[in-house]
Amino acid sequence: MEKVYFVYAISSSEHNYIYVGLTQNVSKRIKRHNDGRERTTKFYSPFELIYSEVCKSRIDARIREKYWKSGIGKEKLKILRNSLK
């Protein structure tokens, strides 16, 4: 049985910063970001989850992660983030 992966996007509450990643446990991963335990994001915490999706394999999750990190993907995430404010 294959493991389930999630692609997620979090937005900094205090900075204009969106991070996209993949994980098997979204809540645990966001806690790591908010606790400053991730080098890439530690200066931008706290974060809130703005998007997540389930992928059936790590390969599929990686493809989706690359899309959300692309220019058009980031623009869509900014629109989504701004609609949640």
PDB file of N, CA and C in Angstrom:
ATOM      1  N   MET A   1       0.846  -1.201   0.000  1.00  0.00           N
ATOM      2  CA  MET A   1       0.000   0.000   0.000  1.00  0.00           C
ATOM      3  C   MET A   1       0.880   1.249   0.000  1.00  0.00           C
ATOM      4  N   GLU A   2       0.574   2.148  -0.896  1.00  0.00           N
ATOM      5  CA  GLU A   2       1.364   3.386  -0.970  1.00  0.00           C
ATOM      6  C   GLU A   2       0.950   4.364   0.118  1.00  0.00           C
ATOM      7  N   LYS A   3       1.895   5.156   0.530  1.00  0.00           N
ATOM      8  CA  LYS A   3       1.625   6.180   1.535  1.00  0.00           C
ATOM      9  C   LYS A   3       0.950   7.378   0.872  1.00  0.00           C
ATOM     10  N   VAL A   4       0.167   8.091   1.660  1.00  0.00           N
ATOM     11  CA  VAL A   4      -0.509   9.296   1.169  1.00  0.00           C
ATOM     12  C   VAL A   4       0.396  10.494   1.435  1.00  0.00           C
ATOM     13  N   TYR A   5       0.490  11.363   0.469  1.00  0.00           N
ATOM     14  CA  TYR A   5       1.264  12.596   0.611  1.00  0.00           C
ATOM     15  C   TYR A   5       0.344  13.789   0.430  1.00  0.00           C
ATOM     16  N   PHE A   6       0.711  14.877   1.071  1.00  0.00           N
ATOM     17  CA  PHE A   6      -0.033  16.120   0.967  1.00  0.00           C
ATOM     18  C   PHE A   6       0.887  17.201   0.433  1.00  0.00           C
ATOM     19  N   VAL A   7       0.365  18.021  -0.456  1.00  0.00           N
ATOM     20  CA  VAL A   7       1.037  19.253  -0.862  1.00  0.00           C
ATOM     21  C   VAL A   7       0.304  20.347  -0.114  1.00  0.00           C
ATOM     22  N   TYR A   8       1.055  21.255   0.485  1.00  0.00           N
ATOM     23  CA  TYR A   8       0.413  22.287   1.301  1.00  0.00           C
ATOM     24  C   TYR A   8       1.063  23.637   1.047  1.00  0.00           C
ATOM     25  N   ALA A   9       0.296  24.674   1.345  1.00  0.00           N
ATOM     26  CA  ALA A   9       0.808  26.042   1.265  1.00  0.00           C
ATOM     27  C   ALA A   9       0.460  26.735   2.574  1.00  0.00           C
ATOM     28  N   ILE A  10       1.445  27.410   3.133  1.00  0.00           N
ATOM     29  CA  ILE A  10       1.233  28.180   4.354  1.00  0.00           C
ATOM     30  C   ILE A  10       1.617  29.625   4.088  1.00  0.00           C
ATOM     31  N   SER A  11       0.927  30.505   4.780  1.00  0.00           N
ATOM     32  CA  SER A  11       1.177  31.931   4.619  1.00  0.00           C
ATOM     33  C   SER A  11       1.627  32.515   5.948  1.00  0.00           C
ATOM     34  N   SER A  12       2.658  33.335   5.896  1.00  0.00           N
ATOM     35  CA  SER A  12       3.131  34.009   7.092  1.00  0.00           C
ATOM     36  C   SER A  12       2.095  35.027   7.539  1.00  0.00           C
ATOM     37  N   SER A  13       1.823  35.047   8.829  1.00  0.00           N
ATOM     38  CA  SER A  13       0.855  36.010   9.372  1.00  0.00           C
ATOM     39  C   SER A  13       1.416  37.421   9.445  1.00  0.00           C
ATOM     40  N   GLU A  14       2.747  37.544   9.456  1.00  0.00           N
ATOM     41  CA  GLU A  14       3.374  38.852   9.657  1.00  0.00           C
ATOM     42  C   GLU A  14       4.192  39.356   8.472  1.00  0.00           C
ATOM     43  N   HIS A  15       4.431  38.506   7.487  1.00  0.00           N
ATOM     44  CA  HIS A  15       5.223  38.891   6.316  1.00  0.00           C
ATOM     45  C   HIS A  15       4.474  38.489   5.050  1.00  0.00           C
ATOM     46  N   ASN A  16       4.874  39.071   3.935  1.00  0.00           N
ATOM     47  CA  ASN A  16       4.294  38.713   2.644  1.00  0.00           C
ATOM     48  C   ASN A  16       5.070  37.514   2.105  1.00  0.00           C
ATOM     49  N   TYR A  17       4.789  36.340   2.655  1.00  0.00           N
ATOM     50  CA  TYR A  17       5.570  35.146   2.336  1.00  0.00           C
ATOM     51  C   TYR A  17       4.654  33.926   2.319  1.00  0.00           C
ATOM     52  N   ILE A  18       4.736  33.162   1.244  1.00  0.00           N
ATOM     53  CA  ILE A  18       3.993  31.913   1.119  1.00  0.00           C
ATOM     54  C   ILE A  18       5.008  30.800   0.891  1.00  0.00           C
ATOM     55  N   TYR A  19       4.866  29.716   1.640  1.00  0.00           N
ATOM     56  CA  TYR A  19       5.742  28.561   1.500  1.00  0.00           C
ATOM     57  C   TYR A  19       4.911  27.378   1.022  1.00  0.00           C
ATOM     58  N   VAL A  20       5.454  26.624   0.061  1.00  0.00           N
ATOM     59  CA  VAL A  20       4.801  25.419  -0.459  1.00  0.00           C
ATOM     60  C   VAL A  20       5.703  24.234  -0.169  1.00  0.00           C
ATOM     61  N   GLY A  21       5.109  23.153   0.324  1.00  0.00           N
ATOM     62  CA  GLY A  21       5.889  21.958   0.612  1.00  0.00           C
ATOM     63  C   GLY A  21       5.052  20.712   0.475  1.00  0.00           C
ATOM     64  N   LEU A  22       5.703  19.563   0.735  1.00  0.00           N
ATOM     65  CA  LEU A  22       4.955  18.317   0.739  1.00  0.00           C
ATOM     66  C   LEU A  22       5.313  17.537   1.992  1.00  0.00           C
ATOM     67  N   THR A  23       4.359  16.742   2.461  1.00  0.00           N
ATOM     68  CA  THR A  23       4.534  16.017   3.713  1.00  0.00           C
ATOM     69  C   THR A  23       3.541  14.860   3.770  1.00  0.00           C
ATOM     70  N   GLN A  24       3.712  14.013   4.767  1.00  0.00           N
ATOM     71  CA  GLN A  24       2.729  12.965   5.023  1.00  0.00           C
ATOM     72  C   GLN A  24       1.828  13.346   6.193  1.00  0.00           C
ATOM     73  N   ASN A  25       2.210  14.368   6.952  1.00  0.00           N
ATOM     74  CA  ASN A  25       1.428  14.790   8.112  1.00  0.00           C
ATOM     75  C   ASN A  25       1.415  16.321   8.156  1.00  0.00           C
ATOM     76  N   VAL A  26       0.340  16.913   7.669  1.00  0.00           N
ATOM     77  CA  VAL A  26       0.261  18.371   7.532  1.00  0.00           C
ATOM     78  C   VAL A  26       0.325  19.079   8.884  1.00  0.00           C
ATOM     79  N   SER A  27      -0.457  18.631   9.861  1.00  0.00           N
ATOM     80  CA  SER A  27      -0.487  19.341  11.151  1.00  0.00           C
ATOM     81  C   SER A  27       0.872  19.292  11.851  1.00  0.00           C
ATOM     82  N   LYS A  28       1.538  18.166  11.789  1.00  0.00           N
ATOM     83  CA  LYS A  28       2.867  18.041  12.401  1.00  0.00           C
ATOM     84  C   LYS A  28       3.878  18.961  11.699  1.00  0.00           C
ATOM     85  N   ARG A  29       3.770  19.018  10.379  1.00  0.00           N
ATOM     86  CA  ARG A  29       4.699  19.844   9.593  1.00  0.00           C
ATOM     87  C   ARG A  29       4.486  21.339   9.869  1.00  0.00           C
ATOM     88  N   ILE A  30       3.226  21.768   9.957  1.00  0.00           N
ATOM     89  CA  ILE A  30       2.948  23.178  10.242  1.00  0.00           C
ATOM     90  C   ILE A  30       3.453  23.535  11.635  1.00  0.00           C
ATOM     91  N   LYS A  31       3.305  22.615  12.573  1.00  0.00           N
ATOM     92  CA  LYS A  31       3.828  22.850  13.921  1.00  0.00           C
ATOM     93  C   LYS A  31       5.336  23.057  13.870  1.00  0.00           C
ATOM     94  N   ARG A  32       6.044  22.258  13.084  1.00  0.00           N
ATOM     95  CA  ARG A  32       7.502  22.434  12.929  1.00  0.00           C
ATOM     96  C   ARG A  32       7.825  23.824  12.358  1.00  0.00           C
ATOM     97  N   HIS A  33       7.046  24.257  11.369  1.00  0.00           N
ATOM     98  CA  HIS A  33       7.261  25.598  10.796  1.00  0.00           C
ATOM     99  C   HIS A  33       7.033  26.663  11.872  1.00  0.00           C
ATOM    100  N   ASN A  34       5.941  26.549  12.603  1.00  0.00           N
ATOM    101  CA  ASN A  34       5.605  27.558  13.609  1.00  0.00           C
ATOM    102  C   ASN A  34       6.528  27.529  14.814  1.00  0.00           C
ATOM    103  N   ASP A  35       7.157  26.397  15.081  1.00  0.00           N
ATOM    104  CA  ASP A  35       8.119  26.295  16.187  1.00  0.00           C
ATOM    105  C   ASP A  35       9.521  26.748  15.776  1.00  0.00           C
ATOM    106  N   GLY A  36       9.679  27.168  14.508  1.00  0.00           N
ATOM    107  CA  GLY A  36      10.977  27.645  14.034  1.00  0.00           C
ATOM    108  C   GLY A  36      11.969  26.526  13.792  1.00  0.00           C
ATOM    109  N   ARG A  37      11.478  25.324  13.550  1.00  0.00           N
ATOM    110  CA  ARG A  37      12.355  24.166  13.374  1.00  0.00           C
ATOM    111  C   ARG A  37      12.690  23.875  11.917  1.00  0.00           C
ATOM    112  N   GLU A  38      12.219  24.716  11.006  1.00  0.00           N
ATOM    113  CA  GLU A  38      12.536  24.568   9.584  1.00  0.00           C
ATOM    114  C   GLU A  38      13.362  25.766   9.151  1.00  0.00           C
ATOM    115  N   ARG A  39      14.567  25.505   8.677  1.00  0.00           N
ATOM    116  CA  ARG A  39      15.528  26.571   8.348  1.00  0.00           C
ATOM    117  C   ARG A  39      14.957  27.573   7.334  1.00  0.00           C
ATOM    118  N   THR A  40      14.257  27.073   6.337  1.00  0.00           N
ATOM    119  CA  THR A  40      13.749  27.938   5.267  1.00  0.00           C
ATOM    120  C   THR A  40      12.726  28.950   5.746  1.00  0.00           C
ATOM    121  N   THR A  41      11.935  28.579   6.744  1.00  0.00           N
ATOM    122  CA  THR A  41      10.800  29.425   7.126  1.00  0.00           C
ATOM    123  C   THR A  41      10.905  30.038   8.518  1.00  0.00           C
ATOM    124  N   LYS A  42      11.942  29.739   9.258  1.00  0.00           N
ATOM    125  CA  LYS A  42      11.936  30.136  10.672  1.00  0.00           C
ATOM    126  C   LYS A  42      11.859  31.635  10.927  1.00  0.00           C
ATOM    127  N   PHE A  43      12.273  32.450   9.975  1.00  0.00           N
ATOM    128  CA  PHE A  43      12.228  33.904  10.184  1.00  0.00           C
ATOM    129  C   PHE A  43      10.877  34.520   9.798  1.00  0.00           C
ATOM    130  N   TYR A  44       9.963  33.693   9.289  1.00  0.00           N
ATOM    131  CA  TYR A  44       8.676  34.194   8.806  1.00  0.00           C
ATOM    132  C   TYR A  44       7.481  33.741   9.641  1.00  0.00           C
ATOM    133  N   SER A  45       7.707  32.959  10.684  1.00  0.00           N
ATOM    134  CA  SER A  45       6.581  32.455  11.482  1.00  0.00           C
ATOM    135  C   SER A  45       5.942  33.607  12.260  1.00  0.00           C
ATOM    136  N   PRO A  46       4.695  33.466  12.650  1.00  0.00           N
ATOM    137  CA  PRO A  46       3.820  32.291  12.572  1.00  0.00           C
ATOM    138  C   PRO A  46       3.147  32.157  11.203  1.00  0.00           C
ATOM    139  N   PHE A  47       2.677  30.922  10.944  1.00  0.00           N
ATOM    140  CA  PHE A  47       2.042  30.581   9.679  1.00  0.00           C
ATOM    141  C   PHE A  47       0.630  30.081   9.885  1.00  0.00           C
ATOM    142  N   GLU A  48      -0.150  30.207   8.814  1.00  0.00           N
ATOM    143  CA  GLU A  48      -1.457  29.569   8.789  1.00  0.00           C
ATOM    144  C   GLU A  48      -1.585  28.816   7.469  1.00  0.00           C
ATOM    145  N   LEU A  49      -2.261  27.680   7.521  1.00  0.00           N
ATOM    146  CA  LEU A  49      -2.479  26.862   6.337  1.00  0.00           C
ATOM    147  C   LEU A  49      -3.478  27.559   5.429  1.00  0.00           C
ATOM    148  N   ILE A  50      -3.121  27.727   4.157  1.00  0.00           N
ATOM    149  CA  ILE A  50      -4.066  28.341   3.219  1.00  0.00           C
ATOM    150  C   ILE A  50      -4.515  27.364   2.145  1.00  0.00           C
ATOM    151  N   TYR A  51      -3.779  26.238   1.986  1.00  0.00           N
ATOM    152  CA  TYR A  51      -4.143  25.277   0.955  1.00  0.00           C
ATOM    153  C   TYR A  51      -3.489  23.935   1.239  1.00  0.00           C
ATOM    154  N   SER A  52      -4.206  22.847   0.951  1.00  0.00           N
ATOM    155  CA  SER A  52      -3.602  21.516   0.966  1.00  0.00           C
ATOM    156  C   SER A  52      -4.363  20.616   0.013  1.00  0.00           C
ATOM    157  N   GLU A  53      -3.669  19.634  -0.527  1.00  0.00           N
ATOM    158  CA  GLU A  53      -4.302  18.657  -1.395  1.00  0.00           C
ATOM    159  C   GLU A  53      -3.648  17.305  -1.168  1.00  0.00           C
ATOM    160  N   VAL A  54      -4.428  16.252  -1.371  1.00  0.00           N
ATOM    161  CA  VAL A  54      -3.961  14.885  -1.185  1.00  0.00           C
ATOM    162  C   VAL A  54      -3.435  14.362  -2.518  1.00  0.00           C
ATOM    163  N   CYS A  55      -2.296  13.661  -2.463  1.00  0.00           N
ATOM    164  CA  CYS A  55      -1.727  13.040  -3.658  1.00  0.00           C
ATOM    165  C   CYS A  55      -1.507  11.560  -3.371  1.00  0.00           C
ATOM    166  N   LYS A  56      -1.667  10.742  -4.394  1.00  0.00           N
ATOM    167  CA  LYS A  56      -1.608   9.300  -4.182  1.00  0.00           C
ATOM    168  C   LYS A  56      -0.187   8.738  -4.122  1.00  0.00           C
ATOM    169  N   SER A  57       0.795   9.534  -4.520  1.00  0.00           N
ATOM    170  CA  SER A  57       2.185   9.075  -4.448  1.00  0.00           C
ATOM    171  C   SER A  57       3.113  10.268  -4.248  1.00  0.00           C
ATOM    172  N   ARG A  58       4.340   9.973  -3.841  1.00  0.00           N
ATOM    173  CA  ARG A  58       5.322  11.044  -3.659  1.00  0.00           C
ATOM    174  C   ARG A  58       5.636  11.718  -4.996  1.00  0.00           C
ATOM    175  N   ILE A  59       5.664  10.935  -6.055  1.00  0.00           N
ATOM    176  CA  ILE A  59       5.941  11.492  -7.389  1.00  0.00           C
ATOM    177  C   ILE A  59       4.850  12.488  -7.790  1.00  0.00           C
ATOM    178  N   ASP A  60       3.580  12.096  -7.596  1.00  0.00           N
ATOM    179  CA  ASP A  60       2.476  13.017  -7.897  1.00  0.00           C
ATOM    180  C   ASP A  60       2.550  14.272  -7.030  1.00  0.00           C
ATOM    181  N   ALA A  61       2.886  14.086  -5.756  1.00  0.00           N
ATOM    182  CA  ALA A  61       2.993  15.228  -4.838  1.00  0.00           C
ATOM    183  C   ALA A  61       4.103  16.167  -5.293  1.00  0.00           C
ATOM    184  N   ARG A  62       5.200  15.618  -5.751  1.00  0.00           N
ATOM    185  CA  ARG A  62       6.326  16.443  -6.207  1.00  0.00           C
ATOM    186  C   ARG A  62       5.938  17.262  -7.443  1.00  0.00           C
ATOM    187  N   ILE A  63       5.188  16.651  -8.340  1.00  0.00           N
ATOM    188  CA  ILE A  63       4.720  17.358  -9.547  1.00  0.00           C
ATOM    189  C   ILE A  63       3.808  18.522  -9.147  1.00  0.00           C
ATOM    190  N   ARG A  64       2.873  18.266  -8.232  1.00  0.00           N
ATOM    191  CA  ARG A  64       1.956  19.315  -7.780  1.00  0.00           C
ATOM    192  C   ARG A  64       2.707  20.408  -7.010  1.00  0.00           C
ATOM    193  N   GLU A  65       3.679  19.999  -6.192  1.00  0.00           N
ATOM    194  CA  GLU A  65       4.474  20.974  -5.447  1.00  0.00           C
ATOM    195  C   GLU A  65       5.196  21.909  -6.418  1.00  0.00           C
ATOM    196  N   LYS A  66       5.775  21.352  -7.464  1.00  0.00           N
ATOM    197  CA  LYS A  66       6.466  22.180  -8.456  1.00  0.00           C
ATOM    198  C   LYS A  66       5.499  23.163  -9.119  1.00  0.00           C
ATOM    199  N   TYR A  67       4.268  22.701  -9.394  1.00  0.00           N
ATOM    200  CA  TYR A  67       3.278  23.599  -9.989  1.00  0.00           C
ATOM    201  C   TYR A  67       2.988  24.757  -9.043  1.00  0.00           C
ATOM    202  N   TRP A  68       2.708  24.467  -7.766  1.00  0.00           N
ATOM    203  CA  TRP A  68       2.347  25.533  -6.825  1.00  0.00           C
ATOM    204  C   TRP A  68       3.517  26.470  -6.543  1.00  0.00           C
ATOM    205  N   LYS A  69       4.738  26.014  -6.783  1.00  0.00           N
ATOM    206  CA  LYS A  69       5.907  26.887  -6.602  1.00  0.00           C
ATOM    207  C   LYS A  69       6.197  27.708  -7.855  1.00  0.00           C
ATOM    208  N   SER A  70       5.540  27.377  -8.971  1.00  0.00           N
ATOM    209  CA  SER A  70       5.765  28.109 -10.220  1.00  0.00           C
ATOM    210  C   SER A  70       5.111  29.486 -10.147  1.00  0.00           C
ATOM    211  N   GLY A  71       5.390  30.310 -11.131  1.00  0.00           N
ATOM    212  CA  GLY A  71       4.829  31.663 -11.163  1.00  0.00           C
ATOM    213  C   GLY A  71       3.313  31.680 -11.127  1.00  0.00           C
ATOM    214  N   ILE A  72       2.671  30.866 -11.976  1.00  0.00           N
ATOM    215  CA  ILE A  72       1.208  30.862 -12.012  1.00  0.00           C
ATOM    216  C   ILE A  72       0.629  30.255 -10.742  1.00  0.00           C
ATOM    217  N   GLY A  73       1.284  29.232 -10.212  1.00  0.00           N
ATOM    218  CA  GLY A  73       0.820  28.616  -8.971  1.00  0.00           C
ATOM    219  C   GLY A  73       0.887  29.589  -7.805  1.00  0.00           C
ATOM    220  N   LYS A  74       2.007  30.313  -7.700  1.00  0.00           N
ATOM    221  CA  LYS A  74       2.156  31.295  -6.613  1.00  0.00           C
ATOM    222  C   LYS A  74       1.130  32.414  -6.734  1.00  0.00           C
ATOM    223  N   GLU A  75       0.833  32.840  -7.965  1.00  0.00           N
ATOM    224  CA  GLU A  75      -0.183  33.880  -8.166  1.00  0.00           C
ATOM    225  C   GLU A  75      -1.546  33.400  -7.680  1.00  0.00           C
ATOM    226  N   LYS A  76      -1.887  32.156  -7.986  1.00  0.00           N
ATOM    227  CA  LYS A  76      -3.167  31.598  -7.530  1.00  0.00           C
ATOM    228  C   LYS A  76      -3.203  31.515  -6.006  1.00  0.00           C
ATOM    229  N   LEU A  77      -2.079  31.163  -5.385  1.00  0.00           N
ATOM    230  CA  LEU A  77      -2.024  31.091  -3.925  1.00  0.00           C
ATOM    231  C   LEU A  77      -2.170  32.472  -3.297  1.00  0.00           C
ATOM    232  N   LYS A  78      -1.598  33.490  -3.934  1.00  0.00           N
ATOM    233  CA  LYS A  78      -1.743  34.860  -3.413  1.00  0.00           C
ATOM    234  C   LYS A  78      -3.197  35.300  -3.474  1.00  0.00           C
ATOM    235  N   ILE A  79      -3.886  34.969  -4.562  1.00  0.00           N
ATOM    236  CA  ILE A  79      -5.305  35.304  -4.682  1.00  0.00           C
ATOM    237  C   ILE A  79      -6.100  34.579  -3.600  1.00  0.00           C
ATOM    238  N   LEU A  80      -5.797  33.300  -3.413  1.00  0.00           N
ATOM    239  CA  LEU A  80      -6.477  32.510  -2.380  1.00  0.00           C
ATOM    240  C   LEU A  80      -6.224  33.093  -0.999  1.00  0.00           C
ATOM    241  N   ARG A  81      -4.961  33.407  -0.688  1.00  0.00           N
ATOM    242  CA  ARG A  81      -4.611  33.992   0.610  1.00  0.00           C
ATOM    243  C   ARG A  81      -5.365  35.298   0.834  1.00  0.00           C
ATOM    244  N   ASN A  82      -5.396  36.158  -0.161  1.00  0.00           N
ATOM    245  CA  ASN A  82      -6.062  37.451  -0.021  1.00  0.00           C
ATOM    246  C   ASN A  82      -7.565  37.306   0.137  1.00  0.00           C
ATOM    247  N   SER A  83      -8.145  36.255  -0.423  1.00  0.00           N
ATOM    248  CA  SER A  83      -9.586  36.035  -0.281  1.00  0.00           C
ATOM    249  C   SER A  83      -9.936  35.519   1.120  1.00  0.00           C
ATOM    250  N   LEU A  84      -8.956  34.976   1.832  1.00  0.00           N
ATOM    251  CA  LEU A  84      -9.185  34.440   3.173  1.00  0.00           C
ATOM    252  C   LEU A  84      -9.058  35.504   4.252  1.00  0.00           C
ATOM    253  N   LYS A  85      -8.506  36.665   3.908  1.00  0.00           N
ATOM    254  CA  LYS A  85      -8.294  37.730   4.896  1.00  0.00           C
ATOM    255  C   LYS A  85      -9.586  38.400   5.270  1.00  0.00           C
TER     256      LYS A  85
END
